[in-house]
Amino acid sequence: QVQLVESGGGLVQPGGSLRLSCVRSGTIVNVNAMGWYRQAPGKERELVATITSRGRAIYADLVKGRFTISRDNANTWNLEMSSLKPEDTAVYYCYVERSIGTLWGRGTQVTVSS
């Protein structure tokens, strides 16, 4: 059974940095993209960053220039977050988009507060 497990969330002050990682276990074929979404309280889940199967990185406008997505290998990818703002507070979910559907991790909480 394929599982996605996030790590690296926590509490950070405004202007600080965090690094999230997602590790995939199990075998997946026909991957279209992998990346990160987030969901803040009372808001819908939104795309943060993704890497396509061709290696193209795509970012939400709100995080461009502050967040960087990278992939260590086919099973691990990361989200480097810097210049964090209180509005970045959310649960961050990693995901894998396949031709037959999307897999999600359980999420990791990121809280930006002084």
C-alpha atoms as a PDB file:
ATOM      1  CA  GLN A   1       0.000   0.000   0.000  1.00  0.00           C
ATOM      2  CA  VAL A   2       1.365   3.398  -0.950  1.00  0.00           C
ATOM      3  CA  GLN A   3       1.732   5.960   1.821  1.00  0.00           C
ATOM      4  CA  LEU A   4       2.896   9.576   1.900  1.00  0.00           C
ATOM      5  CA  VAL A   5       4.359  10.882   5.156  1.00  0.00           C
ATOM      6  CA  GLU A   6       5.145  14.543   5.752  1.00  0.00           C
ATOM      7  CA  SER A   7       7.619  15.897   8.279  1.00  0.00           C
ATOM      8  CA  GLY A   8       9.216  19.198   9.234  1.00  0.00           C
ATOM      9  CA  GLY A   9       6.271  21.305  10.322  1.00  0.00           C
ATOM     10  CA  GLY A  10       6.249  23.368  13.474  1.00  0.00           C
ATOM     11  CA  LEU A  11       6.085  26.810  15.004  1.00  0.00           C
ATOM     12  CA  VAL A  12       8.236  29.564  13.519  1.00  0.00           C
ATOM     13  CA  GLN A  13       8.395  33.319  13.904  1.00  0.00           C
ATOM     14  CA  PRO A  14       7.503  35.651  11.033  1.00  0.00           C
ATOM     15  CA  GLY A  15      10.441  35.961   8.681  1.00  0.00           C
ATOM     16  CA  GLY A  16      11.733  32.537   9.642  1.00  0.00           C
ATOM     17  CA  SER A  17      12.259  29.383   7.621  1.00  0.00           C
ATOM     18  CA  LEU A  18      11.110  25.780   7.646  1.00  0.00           C
ATOM     19  CA  ARG A  19      11.803  22.737   5.503  1.00  0.00           C
ATOM     20  CA  LEU A  20       9.071  20.204   4.854  1.00  0.00           C
ATOM     21  CA  SER A  21       9.759  16.744   3.502  1.00  0.00           C
ATOM     22  CA  CYS A  22       7.504  14.077   2.050  1.00  0.00           C
ATOM     23  CA  VAL A  23       8.520  10.453   1.854  1.00  0.00           C
ATOM     24  CA  ARG A  24       6.626   7.973  -0.252  1.00  0.00           C
ATOM     25  CA  SER A  25       6.552   4.279   0.466  1.00  0.00           C
ATOM     26  CA  GLY A  26       5.337   1.738  -2.026  1.00  0.00           C
ATOM     27  CA  THR A  27       5.401   1.686  -5.806  1.00  0.00           C
ATOM     28  CA  ILE A  28       3.515   4.132  -7.995  1.00  0.00           C
ATOM     29  CA  VAL A  29       3.344   4.242 -11.774  1.00  0.00           C
ATOM     30  CA  ASN A  30       2.106   6.893 -14.163  1.00  0.00           C
ATOM     31  CA  VAL A  31       2.921   9.858 -11.931  1.00  0.00           C
ATOM     32  CA  ASN A  32       1.946  13.196 -13.454  1.00  0.00           C
ATOM     33  CA  ALA A  33       3.116  15.476 -10.656  1.00  0.00           C
ATOM     34  CA  MET A  34       4.044  15.645  -6.987  1.00  0.00           C
ATOM     35  CA  GLY A  35       4.035  18.533  -4.608  1.00  0.00           C
ATOM     36  CA  TRP A  36       2.322  20.405  -1.819  1.00  0.00           C
ATOM     37  CA  TYR A  37      -1.058  21.858  -0.974  1.00  0.00           C
ATOM     38  CA  ARG A  38      -2.078  23.680   2.164  1.00  0.00           C
ATOM     39  CA  GLN A  39      -5.292  24.383   4.007  1.00  0.00           C
ATOM     40  CA  ALA A  40      -5.779  27.168   6.499  1.00  0.00           C
ATOM     41  CA  PRO A  41      -8.652  27.167   9.007  1.00  0.00           C
ATOM     42  CA  GLY A  42     -11.903  28.091   7.323  1.00  0.00           C
ATOM     43  CA  LYS A  43     -10.365  28.080   3.861  1.00  0.00           C
ATOM     44  CA  GLU A  44     -10.240  25.687   0.953  1.00  0.00           C
ATOM     45  CA  ARG A  45      -7.190  23.588   0.214  1.00  0.00           C
ATOM     46  CA  GLU A  46      -4.891  25.444  -2.190  1.00  0.00           C
ATOM     47  CA  LEU A  47      -1.926  24.480  -4.311  1.00  0.00           C
ATOM     48  CA  VAL A  48       1.420  25.684  -2.984  1.00  0.00           C
ATOM     49  CA  ALA A  49       3.986  24.131  -5.312  1.00  0.00           C
ATOM     50  CA  THR A  50       4.309  21.186  -7.627  1.00  0.00           C
ATOM     51  CA  ILE A  51       6.885  19.403  -9.760  1.00  0.00           C
ATOM     52  CA  THR A  52       5.624  17.878 -12.970  1.00  0.00           C
ATOM     53  CA  SER A  53       6.818  14.551 -14.364  1.00  0.00           C
ATOM     54  CA  ARG A  54       9.102  16.530 -16.657  1.00  0.00           C
ATOM     55  CA  GLY A  55      10.731  18.316 -13.738  1.00  0.00           C
ATOM     56  CA  ARG A  56       9.000  21.659 -14.135  1.00  0.00           C
ATOM     57  CA  ALA A  57       8.348  23.499 -10.869  1.00  0.00           C
ATOM     58  CA  ILE A  58       5.144  25.518 -10.539  1.00  0.00           C
ATOM     59  CA  TYR A  59       4.361  27.857  -7.648  1.00  0.00           C
ATOM     60  CA  ALA A  60       1.319  29.666  -6.354  1.00  0.00           C
ATOM     61  CA  ASP A  61       1.704  33.428  -6.742  1.00  0.00           C
ATOM     62  CA  LEU A  62       1.520  33.898  -2.977  1.00  0.00           C
ATOM     63  CA  VAL A  63       4.708  31.878  -2.397  1.00  0.00           C
ATOM     64  CA  LYS A  64       6.817  32.716  -5.455  1.00  0.00           C
ATOM     65  CA  GLY A  65      10.280  33.837  -4.463  1.00  0.00           C
ATOM     66  CA  ARG A  66       9.855  32.538  -0.912  1.00  0.00           C
ATOM     67  CA  PHE A  67       9.253  28.801  -1.316  1.00  0.00           C
ATOM     68  CA  THR A  68      11.288  26.265  -3.264  1.00  0.00           C
ATOM     69  CA  ILE A  69      10.207  22.760  -4.137  1.00  0.00           C
ATOM     70  CA  SER A  70      12.814  20.095  -4.798  1.00  0.00           C
ATOM     71  CA  ARG A  71      12.985  16.373  -5.331  1.00  0.00           C
ATOM     72  CA  ASP A  72      15.700  14.175  -3.848  1.00  0.00           C
ATOM     73  CA  ASN A  73      14.567  11.129  -5.789  1.00  0.00           C
ATOM     74  CA  ALA A  74      11.364   9.495  -6.930  1.00  0.00           C
ATOM     75  CA  ASN A  75      10.308   8.853  -3.339  1.00  0.00           C
ATOM     76  CA  THR A  76      11.224  12.053  -1.505  1.00  0.00           C
ATOM     77  CA  TRP A  77      10.476  15.701  -2.163  1.00  0.00           C
ATOM     78  CA  ASN A  78      10.855  18.832  -0.101  1.00  0.00           C
ATOM     79  CA  LEU A  79       9.493  22.310   0.357  1.00  0.00           C
ATOM     80  CA  GLU A  80      11.927  24.970   1.534  1.00  0.00           C
ATOM     81  CA  MET A  81       9.974  27.873   2.999  1.00  0.00           C
ATOM     82  CA  SER A  82      11.566  31.191   3.872  1.00  0.00           C
ATOM     83  CA  SER A  83      10.369  34.688   4.757  1.00  0.00           C
ATOM     84  CA  LEU A  84       7.362  33.033   6.330  1.00  0.00           C
ATOM     85  CA  LYS A  85       4.321  35.139   7.090  1.00  0.00           C
ATOM     86  CA  PRO A  86       1.449  34.588   9.517  1.00  0.00           C
ATOM     87  CA  GLU A  87      -0.811  33.976   6.520  1.00  0.00           C
ATOM     88  CA  ASP A  88       1.313  30.941   5.633  1.00  0.00           C
ATOM     89  CA  THR A  89      -0.116  29.227   8.708  1.00  0.00           C
ATOM     90  CA  ALA A  90      -1.879  26.081   7.545  1.00  0.00           C
ATOM     91  CA  VAL A  91      -1.765  22.326   7.413  1.00  0.00           C
ATOM     92  CA  TYR A  92       0.543  21.366   4.559  1.00  0.00           C
ATOM     93  CA  TYR A  93      -0.218  18.209   2.600  1.00  0.00           C
ATOM     94  CA  CYS A  94       2.044  16.473   0.162  1.00  0.00           C
ATOM     95  CA  TYR A  95       0.451  14.722  -2.773  1.00  0.00           C
ATOM     96  CA  VAL A  96       1.118  12.617  -5.824  1.00  0.00           C
ATOM     97  CA  GLU A  97      -1.046  13.015  -8.892  1.00  0.00           C
ATOM     98  CA  ARG A  98      -1.440   9.847 -10.909  1.00  0.00           C
ATOM     99  CA  SER A  99      -3.370   9.053 -14.027  1.00  0.00           C
ATOM    100  CA  ILE A 100      -5.841   7.093 -11.875  1.00  0.00           C
ATOM    101  CA  GLY A 101      -6.192   9.621  -9.060  1.00  0.00           C
ATOM    102  CA  THR A 102      -4.408  11.620  -6.378  1.00  0.00           C
ATOM    103  CA  LEU A 103      -2.743  10.315  -3.231  1.00  0.00           C
ATOM    104  CA  TRP A 104      -2.471  12.514  -0.138  1.00  0.00           C
ATOM    105  CA  GLY A 105      -0.405  12.567   3.002  1.00  0.00           C
ATOM    106  CA  ARG A 106      -2.017  13.254   6.368  1.00  0.00           C
ATOM    107  CA  GLY A 107      -0.535  16.717   6.632  1.00  0.00           C
ATOM    108  CA  THR A 108       1.853  18.618   8.857  1.00  0.00           C
ATOM    109  CA  GLN A 109       0.997  21.795  10.743  1.00  0.00           C
ATOM    110  CA  VAL A 110       2.943  24.974  10.036  1.00  0.00           C
ATOM    111  CA  THR A 111       2.289  27.882  12.370  1.00  0.00           C
ATOM    112  CA  VAL A 112       3.871  31.279  11.795  1.00  0.00           C
ATOM    113  CA  SER A 113       3.481  33.436  14.862  1.00  0.00           C
ATOM    114  CA  SER A 114       5.455  35.658  17.178  1.00  0.00           C
END
